[in-house]
N, C-alpha and C. Protein backbone atom coordinates (compact mmCIF):
# COMPACT_ATOMS: atom_id res chain seq x y z
N MET A 1 7.77 -15.22 -4.81
CA MET A 1 6.91 -16.03 -5.33
C MET A 1 6.18 -16.77 -4.53
N GLN A 2 6.50 -16.87 -3.21
CA GLN A 2 5.34 -17.83 -2.28
C GLN A 2 3.67 -16.94 -1.80
N TYR A 3 4.19 -15.87 -2.07
CA TYR A 3 3.02 -14.94 -2.29
C TYR A 3 1.85 -14.81 -3.11
N PHE A 4 2.03 -15.43 -4.40
CA PHE A 4 0.99 -15.71 -5.49
C PHE A 4 0.94 -17.36 -5.38
N THR A 5 1.60 -18.06 -4.48
CA THR A 5 1.41 -19.18 -4.90
C THR A 5 0.93 -20.48 -3.91
N GLU A 6 0.95 -19.49 -2.29
CA GLU A 6 0.55 -20.46 -1.15
C GLU A 6 -0.30 -19.19 -0.30
N THR A 7 -1.00 -19.18 0.53
CA THR A 7 -1.52 -18.58 1.59
C THR A 7 -0.70 -17.82 2.69
N VAL A 8 -0.71 -16.47 2.50
CA VAL A 8 0.24 -15.68 3.94
C VAL A 8 -0.71 -15.58 4.77
N LYS A 9 0.10 -16.25 6.02
CA LYS A 9 -0.59 -16.13 6.94
C LYS A 9 -0.77 -14.47 7.91
N PRO A 10 -2.13 -13.72 7.60
CA PRO A 10 -1.96 -12.39 8.25
C PRO A 10 -1.06 -11.99 9.37
N ILE A 11 -0.54 -10.73 9.50
CA ILE A 11 0.35 -10.04 10.13
C ILE A 11 -0.67 -9.15 11.17
N ASP A 12 -0.62 -9.22 12.98
CA ASP A 12 -0.96 -7.97 13.14
C ASP A 12 -0.02 -7.03 13.55
N PRO A 13 -0.34 -6.03 12.61
CA PRO A 13 0.78 -5.11 13.14
C PRO A 13 1.13 -4.32 14.36
N ALA A 14 0.15 -4.29 15.15
CA ALA A 14 0.04 -3.85 16.29
C ALA A 14 0.32 -4.75 17.30
N ALA A 15 0.42 -6.46 17.08
CA ALA A 15 0.93 -7.16 17.69
C ALA A 15 2.65 -7.13 17.93
N LEU A 16 3.06 -6.25 16.66
CA LEU A 16 4.25 -6.34 16.29
C LEU A 16 5.19 -5.04 17.48
N GLY A 17 4.48 -4.06 17.71
CA GLY A 17 4.71 -3.22 17.90
C GLY A 17 5.40 -2.14 17.10
N VAL A 18 4.98 -1.77 16.04
CA VAL A 18 5.59 -1.06 15.35
C VAL A 18 3.76 -0.55 14.36
N PRO A 19 4.34 0.81 14.10
CA PRO A 19 3.66 1.48 13.68
C PRO A 19 3.31 0.97 11.93
N ALA A 20 2.50 1.15 11.23
CA ALA A 20 1.68 0.24 9.86
C ALA A 20 1.27 1.33 9.32
N SER A 21 1.58 1.72 8.03
CA SER A 21 0.62 2.84 6.91
C SER A 21 0.66 1.86 5.53
N TYR A 22 0.44 2.62 5.00
CA TYR A 22 0.28 1.80 3.37
C TYR A 22 0.09 2.88 2.66
N VAL A 23 1.12 3.16 1.81
CA VAL A 23 1.03 4.24 0.68
C VAL A 23 0.48 4.03 -0.30
N VAL A 24 -0.43 4.24 -1.18
CA VAL A 24 -1.27 4.20 -2.36
C VAL A 24 -0.88 5.22 -3.47
N GLY A 25 -0.71 5.04 -4.66
CA GLY A 25 -0.56 5.86 -5.55
C GLY A 25 -1.39 6.57 -5.97
N ALA A 26 -1.96 8.12 -6.24
CA ALA A 26 -3.35 8.28 -6.65
C ALA A 26 -3.92 8.10 -8.33
N GLU A 27 -2.82 8.32 -9.05
CA GLU A 27 -3.23 7.53 -10.17
C GLU A 27 -2.08 6.13 -10.69
N ASP A 28 -1.94 5.72 -9.63
CA ASP A 28 -1.62 4.22 -9.89
C ASP A 28 -3.01 3.33 -10.77
N ILE A 29 -2.84 2.87 -11.49
CA ILE A 29 -3.44 2.09 -12.42
C ILE A 29 -2.94 0.45 -12.88
N SER A 30 -1.42 0.45 -12.15
CA SER A 30 -1.11 -0.71 -12.93
C SER A 30 -1.69 -2.20 -12.11
N LEU A 31 -2.27 -1.79 -10.75
CA LEU A 31 -2.91 -3.04 -10.01
C LEU A 31 -4.57 -2.50 -10.36
N PRO A 32 -5.62 -3.35 -10.42
CA PRO A 32 -6.99 -2.83 -11.49
C PRO A 32 -7.61 -2.85 -9.81
N PRO A 33 -8.03 -1.60 -9.31
CA PRO A 33 -9.12 -1.20 -8.46
C PRO A 33 -10.52 -2.12 -8.22
N GLY A 34 -11.15 -2.06 -7.67
CA GLY A 34 -12.72 -2.54 -7.51
C GLY A 34 -12.49 -3.76 -7.24
N GLU A 35 -13.91 -4.50 -6.81
CA GLU A 35 -14.23 -5.83 -5.35
C GLU A 35 -13.06 -6.91 -5.87
N TYR A 36 -12.71 -7.37 -6.95
CA TYR A 36 -11.96 -8.04 -7.16
C TYR A 36 -10.22 -7.61 -7.73
N GLY A 37 -9.95 -6.58 -7.41
CA GLY A 37 -8.51 -5.65 -7.62
C GLY A 37 -7.87 -5.86 -6.54
N TRP A 38 -6.70 -5.29 -6.38
CA TRP A 38 -6.21 -5.19 -5.09
C TRP A 38 -6.20 -3.92 -4.16
N THR A 39 -6.53 -2.76 -5.54
CA THR A 39 -7.00 -1.64 -4.03
C THR A 39 -8.51 -1.41 -4.45
N PRO A 40 -9.14 -0.84 -3.94
CA PRO A 40 -8.51 -0.88 -2.57
C PRO A 40 -8.38 -2.30 -1.21
N ARG A 41 -8.47 -2.92 -1.56
CA ARG A 41 -8.66 -4.50 -0.72
C ARG A 41 -7.18 -4.48 -0.08
N PHE A 42 -6.03 -4.47 -1.14
CA PHE A 42 -4.93 -4.61 -0.57
C PHE A 42 -4.83 -3.99 0.69
N PRO A 43 -4.66 -2.69 1.55
CA PRO A 43 -4.59 -2.44 2.27
C PRO A 43 -5.63 -2.57 3.39
N GLU A 44 -6.41 -3.48 2.71
CA GLU A 44 -6.99 -3.77 4.26
C GLU A 44 -6.35 -5.23 5.05
N ARG A 45 -5.50 -5.46 4.01
CA ARG A 45 -5.46 -6.56 4.39
C ARG A 45 -4.44 -6.41 5.87
N LEU A 46 -3.59 -5.31 5.56
CA LEU A 46 -3.04 -5.45 6.61
C LEU A 46 -3.55 -4.92 8.64
N GLY A 47 -5.46 -4.66 8.63
CA GLY A 47 -6.08 -4.46 9.68
C GLY A 47 -6.58 -2.75 9.56
N ASP A 48 -6.18 -2.34 10.60
CA ASP A 48 -7.18 -0.94 10.48
C ASP A 48 -5.68 0.11 10.89
N VAL A 49 -5.37 0.08 9.13
CA VAL A 49 -3.84 0.79 9.37
C VAL A 49 -4.75 2.23 8.39
N PRO A 50 -3.60 3.23 8.89
CA PRO A 50 -3.76 4.47 8.04
C PRO A 50 -3.31 4.19 6.44
N VAL A 51 -4.26 4.61 5.04
CA VAL A 51 -3.74 4.65 3.83
C VAL A 51 -3.81 6.25 3.62
N ILE A 52 -2.49 6.11 3.02
CA ILE A 52 -1.47 7.35 2.76
C ILE A 52 -1.90 7.45 1.43
N GLU A 53 -2.56 7.98 0.68
CA GLU A 53 -2.56 8.68 -0.46
C GLU A 53 -1.53 9.72 -1.03
N ALA A 54 -0.81 9.13 -2.07
CA ALA A 54 0.65 10.03 -2.72
C ALA A 54 -0.25 10.41 -3.59
N PRO A 55 0.74 11.31 -4.52
CA PRO A 55 0.31 11.44 -5.88
C PRO A 55 1.46 11.41 -7.10
N GLY A 56 0.61 10.68 -8.34
CA GLY A 56 1.66 10.03 -8.60
C GLY A 56 0.92 8.22 -9.41
N SER A 57 1.84 7.73 -9.81
CA SER A 57 1.59 6.51 -10.72
C SER A 57 2.30 5.34 -9.61
N HIS A 58 2.21 4.34 -10.30
CA HIS A 58 2.90 2.74 -9.96
C HIS A 58 4.42 3.27 -9.93
N GLU A 59 4.82 4.64 -10.56
CA GLU A 59 6.10 4.31 -10.35
C GLU A 59 6.71 6.11 -10.20
N ALA A 60 6.16 6.29 -8.79
CA ALA A 60 6.30 7.95 -8.38
C ALA A 60 7.45 7.89 -7.82
N GLN A 61 8.01 7.11 -7.75
CA GLN A 61 9.70 7.10 -7.49
C GLN A 61 10.25 7.64 -8.10
N PHE A 62 10.32 7.51 -9.45
CA PHE A 62 10.95 8.05 -10.73
C PHE A 62 10.32 9.09 -10.81
N THR A 63 9.03 10.16 -11.12
CA THR A 63 8.34 10.36 -11.43
C THR A 63 7.65 11.54 -10.44
N ARG A 64 7.69 11.37 -9.38
CA ARG A 64 7.23 12.25 -8.57
C ARG A 64 7.78 12.51 -7.07
N PRO A 65 9.37 12.03 -6.93
CA PRO A 65 10.09 11.10 -5.96
C PRO A 65 9.70 12.37 -5.00
N ALA A 66 9.36 13.20 -4.68
CA ALA A 66 9.31 14.64 -3.63
C ALA A 66 8.18 14.50 -3.32
N GLU A 67 6.91 14.21 -3.67
CA GLU A 67 5.26 13.95 -3.32
C GLU A 67 5.88 12.61 -2.18
N LEU A 68 6.25 11.46 -2.88
CA LEU A 68 6.45 10.17 -2.63
C LEU A 68 7.18 9.81 -0.89
N ALA A 69 8.20 11.23 -0.75
CA ALA A 69 9.33 10.88 -0.19
C ALA A 69 8.39 11.75 0.68
N ALA A 70 7.49 12.47 0.96
CA ALA A 70 6.52 13.46 1.71
C ALA A 70 5.21 12.38 1.79
N ALA A 71 5.08 11.55 1.68
CA ALA A 71 4.16 10.74 1.79
C ALA A 71 4.43 9.82 2.47
N LEU A 72 6.09 9.41 3.10
CA LEU A 72 6.16 8.52 3.08
C LEU A 72 6.84 8.75 4.43
N VAL A 73 7.38 10.02 4.91
CA VAL A 73 7.25 10.68 5.77
C VAL A 73 5.80 10.49 7.25
N LYS A 74 5.35 11.48 5.96
CA LYS A 74 3.96 11.02 7.03
C LYS A 74 2.99 9.78 7.32
N ALA A 75 3.62 9.06 6.66
CA ALA A 75 3.45 7.27 6.78
C ALA A 75 4.01 7.28 8.63
């Protein structure tokens, strides 16, 4: 719950020495797009990381598991 109520200090993935990517569902409409929405602004909070687009919605793990798994492997 703290992520919604308190400011989170940004983490630099490169400083951790761990590669990072952001996987987003192509048909995900659960989080609003646009200037005040989560996507595409949300991946930008990680800095310069690849954004991998996977087919499916917010619940792709149930509706398109093979495609989501392939995107996770690619990430």
